[in-house]
Amino acid sequence: MPFTVLNSRMVEARIGPGQRMFSQRGAMLAYRGDVAFTPNIQGGQGGVGSMIGRRIAGEATPLMTIEGSGTVMFGHGGHHVHVVDLTGETLYVEADRLLAFDGSLQQGTMFMGSQGGVMGMVRGQVTGQGLFTTTLKGQGSAAVMAHGGVIELPITPRGPVHVDPQAYVAHRGDVRNKLSTALGWRDMVGRGSGEAFQLELSGQGTVYVQASEEKL
């Protein structure tokens, strides 16, 4: 069920009989029709394994299950909302940046160290984000949150894309990531921007970057 963008901070989704959606608790702004909202303790479509993985990582963002027939409007904290349409690939996104997503998508978790080795674990410490990240895979749509809007940067085999870890929102596709350093003489004399670490993404896919380096 695709999302309809109402404005930069709100989206709307239509749900019908036999369909299901998940959202962050507190993300529902308004709805029309016969729609039911229930707390989700199964970790979305990923089941108990997904929930346990997120709790170990300290990333157990509470979810709501949405069912029925009608339309639901979503938004949270005044954050900008960006819709990602998946056609079978996997979206990697921090749990607290997920606003809402189709129940048809398979939800899971991935240990970031498995993509970047020790550097993946360092990324979690530097950014303040967990070592686990949420994955969504299949056919469907997800709405993610960001500060100041989102741009999509293509990642191609021609060369990696470097992103400030605090500006990173999500990525999808066949992409590997690692943390790299960008120390130069300005950093040595105290005149650098403070952005001594960069997230390096390589492969084939897309990375979503927010306009502000603030965390949600």
N, C-alpha and C. Protein backbone atom coordinates (compact mmCIF):
# COMPACT_ATOMS: atom_id res chain seq x y z
N MET A 1 0.85 -1.18 0.00
CA MET A 1 0.00 0.00 0.00
C MET A 1 0.89 1.24 0.00
N PRO A 2 0.99 1.95 -1.10
CA PRO A 2 1.88 3.11 -1.16
C PRO A 2 1.38 4.24 -0.27
N PHE A 3 2.33 5.04 0.22
CA PHE A 3 1.99 6.21 1.02
C PHE A 3 1.70 7.39 0.10
N THR A 4 0.78 8.24 0.51
CA THR A 4 0.52 9.51 -0.16
C THR A 4 1.17 10.60 0.67
N VAL A 5 2.04 11.39 0.08
CA VAL A 5 2.72 12.47 0.79
C VAL A 5 1.76 13.66 0.90
N LEU A 6 1.41 14.04 2.12
CA LEU A 6 0.51 15.17 2.35
C LEU A 6 1.28 16.48 2.40
N ASN A 7 2.41 16.48 3.08
CA ASN A 7 3.37 17.58 3.07
C ASN A 7 4.70 17.01 3.52
N SER A 8 5.67 17.85 3.75
CA SER A 8 7.02 17.35 4.06
C SER A 8 7.11 16.59 5.38
N ARG A 9 6.07 16.71 6.23
CA ARG A 9 6.13 16.10 7.55
C ARG A 9 4.98 15.13 7.83
N MET A 10 4.14 14.89 6.85
CA MET A 10 2.99 14.01 7.05
C MET A 10 2.76 13.14 5.82
N VAL A 11 2.39 11.88 6.06
CA VAL A 11 2.01 10.99 4.98
C VAL A 11 0.70 10.31 5.35
N GLU A 12 0.04 9.76 4.34
CA GLU A 12 -1.22 9.06 4.55
C GLU A 12 -1.16 7.71 3.84
N ALA A 13 -1.76 6.69 4.44
CA ALA A 13 -1.80 5.36 3.84
C ALA A 13 -3.21 4.82 3.92
N ARG A 14 -3.63 4.13 2.86
CA ARG A 14 -4.93 3.46 2.84
C ARG A 14 -4.73 2.00 3.18
N ILE A 15 -5.58 1.49 4.06
CA ILE A 15 -5.50 0.10 4.47
C ILE A 15 -6.86 -0.56 4.22
N GLY A 16 -6.84 -1.79 3.76
CA GLY A 16 -8.07 -2.51 3.45
C GLY A 16 -8.14 -3.83 4.19
N PRO A 17 -9.27 -4.52 4.07
CA PRO A 17 -9.43 -5.82 4.74
C PRO A 17 -8.34 -6.79 4.34
N GLY A 18 -7.79 -7.47 5.33
CA GLY A 18 -6.73 -8.43 5.09
C GLY A 18 -5.35 -7.83 5.00
N GLN A 19 -5.26 -6.51 5.08
CA GLN A 19 -3.96 -5.84 5.04
C GLN A 19 -3.54 -5.44 6.45
N ARG A 20 -2.26 -5.16 6.60
CA ARG A 20 -1.70 -4.80 7.90
C ARG A 20 -0.57 -3.81 7.71
N MET A 21 -0.45 -2.90 8.65
CA MET A 21 0.66 -1.95 8.67
C MET A 21 1.26 -1.94 10.06
N PHE A 22 2.50 -1.42 10.13
CA PHE A 22 3.14 -1.19 11.42
C PHE A 22 3.61 0.27 11.47
N SER A 23 3.57 0.85 12.66
CA SER A 23 4.07 2.22 12.82
C SER A 23 4.66 2.37 14.22
N GLN A 24 5.45 3.42 14.38
CA GLN A 24 5.90 3.76 15.73
C GLN A 24 4.70 4.13 16.56
N ARG A 25 4.72 3.78 17.83
CA ARG A 25 3.64 4.19 18.71
C ARG A 25 3.66 5.72 18.83
N GLY A 26 2.48 6.30 18.71
CA GLY A 26 2.37 7.75 18.78
C GLY A 26 2.49 8.43 17.44
N ALA A 27 2.70 7.65 16.35
CA ALA A 27 2.88 8.24 15.03
C ALA A 27 1.56 8.53 14.32
N MET A 28 0.45 7.93 14.78
CA MET A 28 -0.85 8.17 14.15
C MET A 28 -1.33 9.58 14.50
N LEU A 29 -1.66 10.36 13.47
CA LEU A 29 -2.15 11.71 13.68
C LEU A 29 -3.67 11.79 13.56
N ALA A 30 -4.23 11.05 12.62
CA ALA A 30 -5.67 11.04 12.41
C ALA A 30 -6.00 9.87 11.50
N TYR A 31 -7.27 9.45 11.51
CA TYR A 31 -7.67 8.37 10.60
C TYR A 31 -9.15 8.48 10.27
N ARG A 32 -9.50 7.86 9.14
CA ARG A 32 -10.89 7.77 8.72
C ARG A 32 -11.23 6.30 8.53
N GLY A 33 -12.47 5.93 8.85
CA GLY A 33 -12.91 4.57 8.62
C GLY A 33 -12.87 3.71 9.86
N ASP A 34 -12.97 2.40 9.66
CA ASP A 34 -12.98 1.42 10.74
C ASP A 34 -11.58 0.83 10.87
N VAL A 35 -10.73 1.47 11.65
CA VAL A 35 -9.32 1.09 11.77
C VAL A 35 -9.02 0.77 13.23
N ALA A 36 -8.28 -0.29 13.45
CA ALA A 36 -7.90 -0.70 14.80
C ALA A 36 -6.40 -0.60 14.99
N PHE A 37 -5.99 -0.15 16.18
CA PHE A 37 -4.58 0.00 16.53
C PHE A 37 -4.30 -0.84 17.78
N THR A 38 -3.32 -1.73 17.69
CA THR A 38 -2.97 -2.58 18.83
C THR A 38 -1.47 -2.59 19.03
N PRO A 39 -0.99 -2.61 20.28
CA PRO A 39 0.46 -2.69 20.53
C PRO A 39 1.02 -3.97 19.95
N ASN A 40 2.21 -3.89 19.38
CA ASN A 40 2.85 -5.05 18.76
C ASN A 40 4.01 -5.50 19.62
N ILE A 41 4.00 -6.76 20.04
CA ILE A 41 5.08 -7.29 20.89
C ILE A 41 5.84 -8.39 20.17
N GLN A 42 5.57 -8.58 18.87
CA GLN A 42 6.23 -9.64 18.12
C GLN A 42 7.38 -9.14 17.26
N GLY A 43 7.68 -7.84 17.29
CA GLY A 43 8.78 -7.33 16.49
C GLY A 43 8.43 -7.25 15.02
N GLY A 44 7.14 -6.92 14.70
CA GLY A 44 6.74 -6.81 13.30
C GLY A 44 6.75 -8.16 12.63
N GLN A 45 6.96 -8.18 11.31
CA GLN A 45 6.97 -9.42 10.57
C GLN A 45 8.18 -10.28 10.88
N GLY A 46 9.17 -9.71 11.56
CA GLY A 46 10.37 -10.46 11.88
C GLY A 46 10.18 -11.44 13.03
N GLY A 47 9.06 -11.33 13.76
CA GLY A 47 8.77 -12.26 14.83
C GLY A 47 9.59 -12.01 16.08
N VAL A 48 9.56 -12.98 16.96
CA VAL A 48 10.22 -12.84 18.26
C VAL A 48 11.73 -12.67 18.11
N GLY A 49 12.34 -13.35 17.14
CA GLY A 49 13.78 -13.23 16.95
C GLY A 49 14.19 -11.82 16.66
N SER A 50 13.40 -11.14 15.84
CA SER A 50 13.69 -9.75 15.53
C SER A 50 13.57 -8.89 16.77
N MET A 51 12.51 -9.13 17.56
CA MET A 51 12.29 -8.34 18.77
C MET A 51 13.43 -8.53 19.76
N ILE A 52 13.86 -9.79 19.96
CA ILE A 52 14.95 -10.05 20.91
C ILE A 52 16.24 -9.37 20.46
N GLY A 53 16.54 -9.46 19.15
CA GLY A 53 17.75 -8.83 18.63
C GLY A 53 17.74 -7.34 18.88
N ARG A 54 16.59 -6.71 18.69
CA ARG A 54 16.51 -5.27 18.89
C ARG A 54 16.63 -4.91 20.36
N ARG A 55 16.04 -5.74 21.23
CA ARG A 55 16.13 -5.44 22.66
C ARG A 55 17.56 -5.58 23.16
N ILE A 56 18.28 -6.60 22.68
CA ILE A 56 19.68 -6.75 23.07
C ILE A 56 20.47 -5.52 22.66
N ALA A 57 20.11 -4.96 21.49
CA ALA A 57 20.83 -3.81 20.97
C ALA A 57 20.35 -2.50 21.58
N GLY A 58 19.29 -2.55 22.41
CA GLY A 58 18.77 -1.33 22.98
C GLY A 58 18.00 -0.50 21.96
N GLU A 59 17.48 -1.15 20.92
CA GLU A 59 16.80 -0.43 19.86
C GLU A 59 15.35 -0.87 19.71
N ALA A 60 14.74 -1.32 20.78
CA ALA A 60 13.38 -1.85 20.70
C ALA A 60 12.37 -0.71 20.65
N THR A 61 12.29 -0.02 19.52
CA THR A 61 11.31 1.04 19.34
C THR A 61 9.92 0.41 19.32
N PRO A 62 9.01 0.84 20.21
CA PRO A 62 7.68 0.22 20.27
C PRO A 62 6.92 0.43 18.97
N LEU A 63 6.20 -0.63 18.53
CA LEU A 63 5.42 -0.57 17.30
C LEU A 63 3.94 -0.74 17.59
N MET A 64 3.12 -0.24 16.66
CA MET A 64 1.69 -0.47 16.66
C MET A 64 1.32 -1.26 15.42
N THR A 65 0.41 -2.21 15.57
CA THR A 65 -0.15 -2.92 14.43
C THR A 65 -1.45 -2.23 14.03
N ILE A 66 -1.61 -1.97 12.74
CA ILE A 66 -2.77 -1.24 12.23
C ILE A 66 -3.51 -2.14 11.25
N GLU A 67 -4.80 -2.36 11.50
CA GLU A 67 -5.62 -3.20 10.65
C GLU A 67 -7.01 -2.59 10.50
N GLY A 68 -7.73 -3.02 9.48
CA GLY A 68 -9.09 -2.53 9.28
C GLY A 68 -9.30 -2.04 7.88
N SER A 69 -10.14 -1.02 7.76
CA SER A 69 -10.47 -0.45 6.45
C SER A 69 -10.62 1.05 6.59
N GLY A 70 -9.72 1.80 5.94
CA GLY A 70 -9.77 3.25 6.01
C GLY A 70 -8.45 3.87 5.62
N THR A 71 -8.23 5.10 6.00
CA THR A 71 -6.99 5.81 5.74
C THR A 71 -6.42 6.34 7.05
N VAL A 72 -5.09 6.32 7.15
CA VAL A 72 -4.41 6.75 8.37
C VAL A 72 -3.34 7.76 8.01
N MET A 73 -3.26 8.85 8.77
CA MET A 73 -2.23 9.87 8.58
C MET A 73 -1.14 9.70 9.65
N PHE A 74 0.11 9.79 9.22
CA PHE A 74 1.24 9.58 10.11
C PHE A 74 2.18 10.79 10.12
N GLY A 75 2.79 11.02 11.27
CA GLY A 75 3.82 12.03 11.45
C GLY A 75 4.33 11.89 12.87
N HIS A 76 5.50 12.43 13.15
CA HIS A 76 6.04 12.25 14.51
C HIS A 76 7.06 13.34 14.81
N GLY A 77 6.81 14.10 15.87
CA GLY A 77 7.78 15.07 16.36
C GLY A 77 8.11 16.19 15.40
N GLY A 78 7.30 16.39 14.38
CA GLY A 78 7.60 17.42 13.40
C GLY A 78 8.75 17.10 12.47
N HIS A 79 9.22 15.83 12.48
CA HIS A 79 10.34 15.45 11.61
C HIS A 79 9.89 15.38 10.16
N HIS A 80 10.81 15.63 9.25
CA HIS A 80 10.53 15.44 7.84
C HIS A 80 10.37 13.94 7.56
N VAL A 81 9.50 13.63 6.61
CA VAL A 81 9.21 12.24 6.28
C VAL A 81 9.58 11.97 4.83
N HIS A 82 10.22 10.84 4.60
CA HIS A 82 10.62 10.45 3.24
C HIS A 82 10.12 9.03 2.99
N VAL A 83 9.49 8.82 1.85
CA VAL A 83 8.93 7.51 1.51
C VAL A 83 9.91 6.74 0.62
N VAL A 84 10.15 5.48 0.98
CA VAL A 84 11.01 4.59 0.22
C VAL A 84 10.16 3.44 -0.30
N ASP A 85 10.12 3.26 -1.61
CA ASP A 85 9.38 2.16 -2.23
C ASP A 85 10.35 1.02 -2.56
N LEU A 86 10.08 -0.15 -2.02
CA LEU A 86 10.95 -1.31 -2.22
C LEU A 86 10.32 -2.27 -3.24
N THR A 87 11.16 -2.80 -4.10
CA THR A 87 10.70 -3.74 -5.13
C THR A 87 11.46 -5.05 -5.02
N GLY A 88 11.64 -5.52 -3.80
CA GLY A 88 12.33 -6.78 -3.57
C GLY A 88 13.66 -6.65 -2.87
N GLU A 89 14.26 -5.44 -2.88
CA GLU A 89 15.55 -5.27 -2.23
C GLU A 89 15.37 -5.04 -0.74
N THR A 90 16.47 -4.85 -0.04
CA THR A 90 16.46 -4.67 1.42
C THR A 90 16.80 -3.23 1.78
N LEU A 91 16.03 -2.67 2.71
CA LEU A 91 16.30 -1.35 3.26
C LEU A 91 16.92 -1.53 4.64
N TYR A 92 18.05 -0.84 4.89
CA TYR A 92 18.72 -0.85 6.19
C TYR A 92 18.49 0.51 6.83
N VAL A 93 17.86 0.54 8.01
CA VAL A 93 17.49 1.81 8.64
C VAL A 93 17.50 1.64 10.15
N GLU A 94 17.91 2.68 10.85
CA GLU A 94 17.88 2.64 12.31
C GLU A 94 16.42 2.59 12.78
N ALA A 95 16.14 1.78 13.80
CA ALA A 95 14.77 1.55 14.24
C ALA A 95 14.04 2.83 14.60
N ASP A 96 14.73 3.78 15.23
CA ASP A 96 14.03 4.99 15.66
C ASP A 96 13.75 5.96 14.52
N ARG A 97 14.22 5.64 13.32
CA ARG A 97 13.93 6.48 12.15
C ARG A 97 12.75 5.95 11.34
N LEU A 98 12.23 4.79 11.70
CA LEU A 98 11.09 4.21 11.00
C LEU A 98 9.80 4.84 11.51
N LEU A 99 9.05 5.45 10.63
CA LEU A 99 7.76 6.02 11.01
C LEU A 99 6.66 4.98 10.84
N ALA A 100 6.54 4.39 9.64
CA ALA A 100 5.53 3.38 9.36
C ALA A 100 5.97 2.57 8.16
N PHE A 101 5.44 1.34 8.03
CA PHE A 101 5.82 0.51 6.88
C PHE A 101 4.76 -0.55 6.64
N ASP A 102 4.73 -1.04 5.41
CA ASP A 102 3.79 -2.08 5.01
C ASP A 102 4.01 -3.36 5.80
N GLY A 103 2.91 -3.99 6.19
CA GLY A 103 3.00 -5.28 6.87
C GLY A 103 3.49 -6.39 5.98
N SER A 104 3.49 -6.17 4.67
CA SER A 104 3.98 -7.18 3.74
C SER A 104 5.50 -7.28 3.73
N LEU A 105 6.18 -6.29 4.27
CA LEU A 105 7.64 -6.29 4.29
C LEU A 105 8.15 -7.18 5.42
N GLN A 106 9.18 -7.94 5.13
CA GLN A 106 9.79 -8.82 6.13
C GLN A 106 10.79 -8.01 6.96
N GLN A 107 10.54 -7.94 8.25
CA GLN A 107 11.39 -7.15 9.13
C GLN A 107 12.39 -8.05 9.84
N GLY A 108 13.61 -7.56 9.99
CA GLY A 108 14.64 -8.30 10.71
C GLY A 108 15.65 -7.34 11.30
N THR A 109 16.75 -7.90 11.81
CA THR A 109 17.85 -7.10 12.34
C THR A 109 19.16 -7.63 11.78
N MET A 110 20.14 -6.75 11.72
CA MET A 110 21.46 -7.14 11.24
C MET A 110 22.51 -6.52 12.14
N PHE A 111 23.50 -7.31 12.52
CA PHE A 111 24.61 -6.81 13.31
C PHE A 111 25.55 -6.05 12.40
N MET A 112 25.74 -4.76 12.65
CA MET A 112 26.52 -3.93 11.75
C MET A 112 27.97 -4.40 11.63
N GLY A 113 28.46 -5.08 12.67
CA GLY A 113 29.82 -5.58 12.59
C GLY A 113 30.03 -6.59 11.48
N SER A 114 28.92 -7.26 11.05
CA SER A 114 29.06 -8.27 10.00
C SER A 114 29.30 -7.63 8.64
N GLN A 115 28.98 -6.34 8.51
CA GLN A 115 29.25 -5.65 7.24
C GLN A 115 30.60 -4.96 7.27
N GLY A 116 30.97 -4.42 8.40
CA GLY A 116 32.19 -3.65 8.43
C GLY A 116 33.23 -4.16 9.41
N GLY A 117 33.05 -5.37 9.92
CA GLY A 117 34.00 -5.91 10.88
C GLY A 117 34.09 -5.01 12.11
N VAL A 118 35.30 -4.83 12.59
CA VAL A 118 35.50 -3.96 13.75
C VAL A 118 35.04 -2.55 13.45
N MET A 119 35.21 -2.09 12.21
CA MET A 119 34.81 -0.74 11.86
C MET A 119 33.30 -0.55 12.00
N GLY A 120 32.56 -1.62 11.73
CA GLY A 120 31.12 -1.53 11.90
C GLY A 120 30.75 -1.31 13.35
N MET A 121 31.48 -1.94 14.25
CA MET A 121 31.21 -1.75 15.67
C MET A 121 31.64 -0.36 16.12
N VAL A 122 32.74 0.13 15.56
CA VAL A 122 33.20 1.48 15.90
C VAL A 122 32.15 2.49 15.47
N ARG A 123 31.55 2.27 14.29
CA ARG A 123 30.51 3.18 13.81
C ARG A 123 29.39 3.31 14.83
N GLY A 124 28.99 2.19 15.44
CA GLY A 124 27.92 2.24 16.42
C GLY A 124 28.30 3.09 17.62
N GLN A 125 29.57 3.01 18.04
CA GLN A 125 30.01 3.79 19.18
C GLN A 125 30.12 5.28 18.84
N VAL A 126 30.64 5.59 17.66
CA VAL A 126 30.85 6.99 17.28
C VAL A 126 29.55 7.72 17.04
N THR A 127 28.58 7.05 16.35
CA THR A 127 27.34 7.72 16.00
C THR A 127 26.34 7.72 17.12
N GLY A 128 26.53 6.90 18.13
CA GLY A 128 25.54 6.79 19.18
C GLY A 128 24.41 5.86 18.79
N GLN A 129 24.46 5.28 17.60
CA GLN A 129 23.45 4.33 17.15
C GLN A 129 23.88 2.93 17.56
N GLY A 130 22.91 2.02 17.62
CA GLY A 130 23.21 0.68 18.09
C GLY A 130 24.05 -0.11 17.11
N LEU A 131 24.53 -1.26 17.57
CA LEU A 131 25.31 -2.13 16.71
C LEU A 131 24.39 -2.91 15.77
N PHE A 132 23.11 -2.99 16.11
CA PHE A 132 22.14 -3.63 15.25
C PHE A 132 21.41 -2.57 14.44
N THR A 133 21.01 -2.91 13.23
CA THR A 133 20.17 -2.02 12.45
C THR A 133 18.98 -2.81 11.95
N THR A 134 17.86 -2.14 11.74
CA THR A 134 16.65 -2.81 11.28
C THR A 134 16.69 -3.00 9.77
N THR A 135 16.19 -4.14 9.30
CA THR A 135 16.11 -4.40 7.86
C THR A 135 14.65 -4.62 7.47
N LEU A 136 14.28 -4.12 6.29
CA LEU A 136 12.97 -4.35 5.71
C LEU A 136 13.19 -4.86 4.29
N LYS A 137 12.55 -5.97 3.96
CA LYS A 137 12.79 -6.58 2.66
C LYS A 137 11.49 -7.02 2.02
N GLY A 138 11.38 -6.84 0.69
CA GLY A 138 10.22 -7.32 -0.05
C GLY A 138 9.62 -6.26 -0.94
N GLN A 139 8.32 -6.41 -1.19
CA GLN A 139 7.58 -5.49 -2.03
C GLN A 139 6.70 -4.63 -1.12
N GLY A 140 6.93 -3.34 -1.11
CA GLY A 140 6.13 -2.46 -0.27
C GLY A 140 6.81 -1.14 -0.04
N SER A 141 6.26 -0.35 0.87
CA SER A 141 6.77 1.00 1.13
C SER A 141 7.04 1.20 2.61
N ALA A 142 8.00 2.07 2.88
CA ALA A 142 8.33 2.45 4.24
C ALA A 142 8.50 3.97 4.29
N ALA A 143 8.05 4.57 5.38
CA ALA A 143 8.22 6.00 5.60
C ALA A 143 9.25 6.18 6.70
N VAL A 144 10.33 6.91 6.39
CA VAL A 144 11.40 7.14 7.36
C VAL A 144 11.45 8.61 7.73
N MET A 145 12.02 8.89 8.91
CA MET A 145 12.07 10.26 9.42
C MET A 145 13.49 10.82 9.36
N ALA A 146 13.58 12.13 9.22
CA ALA A 146 14.89 12.79 9.15
C ALA A 146 14.74 14.24 9.57
N HIS A 147 15.88 14.87 9.84
CA HIS A 147 15.92 16.31 10.13
C HIS A 147 16.21 17.07 8.84
N GLY A 148 15.37 18.03 8.51
CA GLY A 148 15.66 18.94 7.41
C GLY A 148 15.51 18.36 6.03
N GLY A 149 14.80 17.25 5.90
CA GLY A 149 14.60 16.67 4.58
C GLY A 149 15.68 15.67 4.21
N VAL A 150 15.45 14.92 3.13
CA VAL A 150 16.33 13.84 2.72
C VAL A 150 16.68 13.98 1.24
N ILE A 151 17.93 13.66 0.90
CA ILE A 151 18.32 13.52 -0.49
C ILE A 151 18.78 12.08 -0.71
N GLU A 152 18.60 11.59 -1.94
CA GLU A 152 19.01 10.24 -2.30
C GLU A 152 20.29 10.32 -3.13
N LEU A 153 21.33 9.65 -2.67
CA LEU A 153 22.60 9.61 -3.39
C LEU A 153 22.83 8.21 -3.94
N PRO A 154 23.02 8.08 -5.26
CA PRO A 154 23.28 6.75 -5.82
C PRO A 154 24.67 6.27 -5.45
N ILE A 155 24.78 4.97 -5.17
CA ILE A 155 26.05 4.32 -4.90
C ILE A 155 26.33 3.39 -6.07
N THR A 156 27.45 3.60 -6.76
CA THR A 156 27.78 2.82 -7.94
C THR A 156 29.15 2.18 -7.79
N PRO A 157 29.44 1.16 -8.60
CA PRO A 157 30.76 0.51 -8.52
C PRO A 157 31.91 1.44 -8.91
N ARG A 158 31.61 2.61 -9.48
CA ARG A 158 32.67 3.53 -9.90
C ARG A 158 33.48 4.06 -8.72
N GLY A 159 32.83 4.14 -7.56
CA GLY A 159 33.54 4.66 -6.40
C GLY A 159 32.61 4.79 -5.23
N PRO A 160 33.13 4.79 -4.00
CA PRO A 160 32.29 4.85 -2.81
C PRO A 160 31.71 6.25 -2.59
N VAL A 161 30.69 6.31 -1.77
CA VAL A 161 30.11 7.57 -1.32
C VAL A 161 30.46 7.73 0.16
N HIS A 162 30.92 8.92 0.54
CA HIS A 162 31.28 9.18 1.93
C HIS A 162 30.22 10.09 2.56
N VAL A 163 29.74 9.69 3.74
CA VAL A 163 28.66 10.41 4.42
C VAL A 163 29.06 10.66 5.86
N ASP A 164 28.75 11.84 6.36
CA ASP A 164 28.91 12.10 7.78
C ASP A 164 28.00 11.13 8.53
N PRO A 165 28.53 10.38 9.51
CA PRO A 165 27.69 9.39 10.20
C PRO A 165 26.42 9.96 10.80
N GLN A 166 26.46 11.22 11.26
CA GLN A 166 25.27 11.82 11.86
C GLN A 166 24.25 12.22 10.80
N ALA A 167 24.67 12.34 9.54
CA ALA A 167 23.75 12.71 8.47
C ALA A 167 23.14 11.48 7.80
N TYR A 168 23.66 10.30 8.12
CA TYR A 168 23.15 9.06 7.53
C TYR A 168 21.77 8.73 8.08
N VAL A 169 20.85 8.35 7.18
CA VAL A 169 19.50 7.95 7.58
C VAL A 169 19.28 6.47 7.31
N ALA A 170 19.57 6.03 6.08
CA ALA A 170 19.32 4.65 5.69
C ALA A 170 20.02 4.37 4.38
N HIS A 171 20.06 3.10 3.98
CA HIS A 171 20.54 2.76 2.64
C HIS A 171 19.86 1.47 2.18
N ARG A 172 19.91 1.24 0.89
CA ARG A 172 19.34 0.01 0.35
C ARG A 172 20.21 -0.48 -0.80
N GLY A 173 20.03 -1.76 -1.14
CA GLY A 173 20.80 -2.32 -2.23
C GLY A 173 21.94 -3.19 -1.74
N ASP A 174 22.80 -3.58 -2.66
CA ASP A 174 23.97 -4.41 -2.36
C ASP A 174 25.12 -3.48 -1.98
N VAL A 175 25.12 -3.06 -0.74
CA VAL A 175 26.03 -2.01 -0.27
C VAL A 175 26.80 -2.50 0.94
N ARG A 176 28.09 -2.19 0.96
CA ARG A 176 28.92 -2.44 2.14
C ARG A 176 29.30 -1.10 2.76
N ASN A 177 29.44 -1.10 4.08
CA ASN A 177 29.80 0.15 4.76
C ASN A 177 30.95 -0.09 5.72
N LYS A 178 31.73 0.96 5.90
CA LYS A 178 32.78 0.93 6.90
C LYS A 178 33.06 2.37 7.33
N LEU A 179 33.64 2.49 8.49
CA LEU A 179 34.00 3.81 9.00
C LEU A 179 35.41 4.14 8.59
N SER A 180 35.60 5.31 7.99
CA SER A 180 36.94 5.74 7.60
C SER A 180 37.28 7.05 8.30
N THR A 181 38.55 7.32 8.40
CA THR A 181 38.99 8.56 9.05
C THR A 181 39.38 9.58 8.00
N ALA A 182 39.23 10.84 8.37
CA ALA A 182 39.55 11.94 7.44
C ALA A 182 40.41 12.96 8.17
N LEU A 183 41.45 12.47 8.82
CA LEU A 183 42.33 13.36 9.57
C LEU A 183 43.33 14.04 8.63
N GLY A 184 43.43 15.33 8.74
CA GLY A 184 44.38 16.09 7.96
C GLY A 184 45.12 17.07 8.85
N TRP A 185 45.91 17.95 8.25
CA TRP A 185 46.72 18.85 9.07
C TRP A 185 45.84 19.82 9.84
N ARG A 186 44.66 20.18 9.30
CA ARG A 186 43.79 21.09 10.03
C ARG A 186 43.30 20.45 11.33
N ASP A 187 43.01 19.14 11.29
CA ASP A 187 42.59 18.46 12.50
C ASP A 187 43.73 18.42 13.51
N MET A 188 44.94 18.28 13.03
CA MET A 188 46.09 18.20 13.93
C MET A 188 46.31 19.50 14.67
N VAL A 189 45.96 20.64 14.05
CA VAL A 189 46.20 21.93 14.70
C VAL A 189 44.91 22.50 15.29
N GLY A 190 43.84 21.69 15.30
CA GLY A 190 42.61 22.15 15.94
C GLY A 190 41.74 23.02 15.09
N ARG A 191 41.93 23.05 13.77
CA ARG A 191 41.12 23.91 12.92
C ARG A 191 40.17 23.11 12.02
N GLY A 192 40.07 21.84 12.27
CA GLY A 192 39.19 21.02 11.44
C GLY A 192 37.73 21.24 11.78
N SER A 193 36.86 20.67 10.97
CA SER A 193 35.41 20.81 11.17
C SER A 193 34.91 19.90 12.27
N GLY A 194 35.73 18.98 12.75
CA GLY A 194 35.29 18.02 13.73
C GLY A 194 34.78 16.75 13.10
N GLU A 195 34.67 16.71 11.78
CA GLU A 195 34.15 15.54 11.08
C GLU A 195 35.32 14.61 10.73
N ALA A 196 35.94 14.06 11.77
CA ALA A 196 37.12 13.24 11.56
C ALA A 196 36.75 11.85 11.08
N PHE A 197 35.48 11.45 11.23
CA PHE A 197 35.04 10.15 10.79
C PHE A 197 34.02 10.28 9.67
N GLN A 198 34.11 9.38 8.71
CA GLN A 198 33.15 9.35 7.61
C GLN A 198 32.68 7.91 7.42
N LEU A 199 31.40 7.79 7.05
CA LEU A 199 30.85 6.49 6.73
C LEU A 199 31.04 6.26 5.23
N GLU A 200 31.80 5.24 4.87
CA GLU A 200 32.10 4.95 3.48
C GLU A 200 31.19 3.83 2.99
N LEU A 201 30.39 4.10 1.94
CA LEU A 201 29.47 3.11 1.39
C LEU A 201 29.87 2.79 -0.04
N SER A 202 29.99 1.50 -0.34
CA SER A 202 30.41 1.08 -1.67
C SER A 202 29.52 -0.04 -2.17
N GLY A 203 29.50 -0.23 -3.49
CA GLY A 203 28.68 -1.27 -4.08
C GLY A 203 27.67 -0.70 -5.05
N GLN A 204 26.43 -1.16 -4.98
CA GLN A 204 25.37 -0.73 -5.88
C GLN A 204 24.10 -0.52 -5.06
N GLY A 205 23.62 0.72 -5.03
CA GLY A 205 22.41 1.00 -4.28
C GLY A 205 22.18 2.48 -4.09
N THR A 206 21.54 2.83 -2.98
CA THR A 206 21.18 4.21 -2.68
C THR A 206 21.38 4.46 -1.20
N VAL A 207 21.90 5.65 -0.85
CA VAL A 207 21.99 6.06 0.54
C VAL A 207 21.13 7.30 0.72
N TYR A 208 20.44 7.36 1.83
CA TYR A 208 19.55 8.48 2.15
C TYR A 208 20.22 9.35 3.21
N VAL A 209 20.39 10.62 2.88
CA VAL A 209 21.15 11.54 3.71
C VAL A 209 20.24 12.69 4.15
N GLN A 210 20.27 13.01 5.44
CA GLN A 210 19.45 14.11 5.92
C GLN A 210 20.23 15.41 5.89
N ALA A 211 19.49 16.51 5.86
CA ALA A 211 20.11 17.83 5.69
C ALA A 211 20.71 18.36 6.98
N SER A 212 20.39 17.75 8.09
CA SER A 212 20.92 18.19 9.38
C SER A 212 21.66 17.06 10.04
N GLU A 213 22.67 17.39 10.85
CA GLU A 213 23.43 16.36 11.54
C GLU A 213 22.87 16.04 12.92
N GLU A 214 21.70 16.60 13.22
CA GLU A 214 21.08 16.30 14.52
C GLU A 214 20.55 14.88 14.52
N LYS A 215 20.54 14.27 15.73
CA LYS A 215 19.96 12.95 15.87
C LYS A 215 18.50 13.10 16.27
N LEU A 216 17.67 12.10 15.95
CA LEU A 216 16.26 12.13 16.32
C LEU A 216 16.12 11.98 17.82
